[in-house]
Amino acid sequence: MEGNEGLFDRIVRGVVGAILLAVGGFSIEGPIALVEGAFALIMAVAGGSLLLTGLIGWCPAYALLGIRTCAPRHGTR
């Protein structure tokens, strides 16, 4: 599986994903609830998926839509 995310895209996904995961996850289980209920769960899941795709460098939605934010490898077209 070849990556389809560039470095800047991966950094942004990682930072935003970590923030969403922290706020959503901390609100679900923690004593300080910045958001509550289903919205906290949605934030935690979205943050986890952004963080995961940023770490591995491959996004399934990008693959379906044919989007690539990284430079092509040498020797490929």
Protein backbone atom coordinates (compact mmCIF):
# COMPACT_ATOMS: atom_id res chain seq x y z
CA MET A 1 0.00 0.00 0.00
CA GLU A 2 1.58 3.23 -1.16
CA GLY A 3 0.97 6.39 0.87
CA ASN A 4 -1.22 9.13 -0.53
CA GLU A 5 -0.63 11.89 2.04
CA GLY A 6 2.13 14.47 1.96
CA LEU A 7 4.15 15.56 4.99
CA PHE A 8 2.14 18.74 5.65
CA ASP A 9 -1.14 16.80 5.36
CA ARG A 10 0.14 14.16 7.79
CA ILE A 11 1.25 16.78 10.33
CA VAL A 12 -2.08 18.64 10.20
CA ARG A 13 -4.03 15.38 10.53
CA GLY A 14 -1.88 14.30 13.46
CA VAL A 15 -2.25 17.57 15.36
CA VAL A 16 -5.99 18.00 14.71
CA GLY A 17 -6.61 14.30 15.38
CA ALA A 18 -4.75 14.40 18.69
CA ILE A 19 -6.68 17.49 19.80
CA LEU A 20 -10.07 16.01 18.85
CA LEU A 21 -9.21 12.69 20.46
CA ALA A 22 -8.06 14.37 23.65
CA VAL A 23 -11.08 16.68 23.95
CA GLY A 24 -13.62 14.04 22.95
CA GLY A 25 -12.06 11.17 24.88
CA PHE A 26 -11.42 13.22 27.99
CA SER A 27 -15.02 14.46 27.92
CA ILE A 28 -16.36 10.89 27.70
CA GLU A 29 -14.31 9.47 30.56
CA GLY A 30 -12.88 12.42 32.43
CA PRO A 31 -14.06 14.74 35.17
CA ILE A 32 -13.88 17.84 32.95
CA ALA A 33 -16.50 17.69 30.21
CA LEU A 34 -15.91 20.26 27.49
CA VAL A 35 -18.47 18.51 25.29
CA GLU A 36 -21.01 15.88 26.24
CA GLY A 37 -22.87 12.89 24.91
CA ALA A 38 -22.81 11.74 21.32
CA PHE A 39 -20.82 14.78 20.19
CA ALA A 40 -17.93 13.79 22.47
CA LEU A 41 -17.98 10.27 21.03
CA ILE A 42 -18.03 11.60 17.45
CA MET A 43 -15.09 13.89 18.24
CA ALA A 44 -13.11 11.02 19.75
CA VAL A 45 -13.76 8.70 16.79
CA ALA A 46 -12.98 11.41 14.22
CA GLY A 47 -9.83 12.36 16.10
CA GLY A 48 -8.70 8.75 16.30
CA SER A 49 -9.21 8.20 12.59
CA LEU A 50 -7.38 11.42 11.68
CA LEU A 51 -4.51 10.52 13.98
CA LEU A 52 -4.29 7.00 12.55
CA THR A 53 -4.33 8.12 8.91
CA GLY A 54 -1.74 10.79 9.71
CA LEU A 55 0.53 8.21 11.31
CA ILE A 56 0.31 5.63 8.51
CA GLY A 57 0.26 8.18 5.65
CA TRP A 58 -2.64 6.60 3.79
CA CYS A 59 -6.26 7.80 3.70
CA PRO A 60 -9.01 5.52 2.32
CA ALA A 61 -11.15 8.51 1.29
CA TYR A 62 -8.23 9.94 -0.69
CA ALA A 63 -7.76 6.55 -2.35
CA LEU A 64 -11.44 6.39 -3.38
CA LEU A 65 -11.36 9.92 -4.76
CA GLY A 66 -7.96 9.58 -6.44
CA ILE A 67 -6.39 12.37 -4.37
CA ARG A 68 -2.64 12.41 -3.65
CA THR A 69 -0.98 15.16 -1.63
CA CYS A 70 2.48 13.58 -1.72
CA ALA A 71 5.07 13.76 -4.46
CA PRO A 72 5.26 10.74 -6.76
CA ARG A 73 8.09 8.31 -6.17
CA HIS A 74 10.99 8.16 -8.58
CA GLY A 75 10.44 5.64 -11.35
CA THR A 76 6.63 5.78 -11.16
CA ARG A 77 4.23 7.57 -13.45
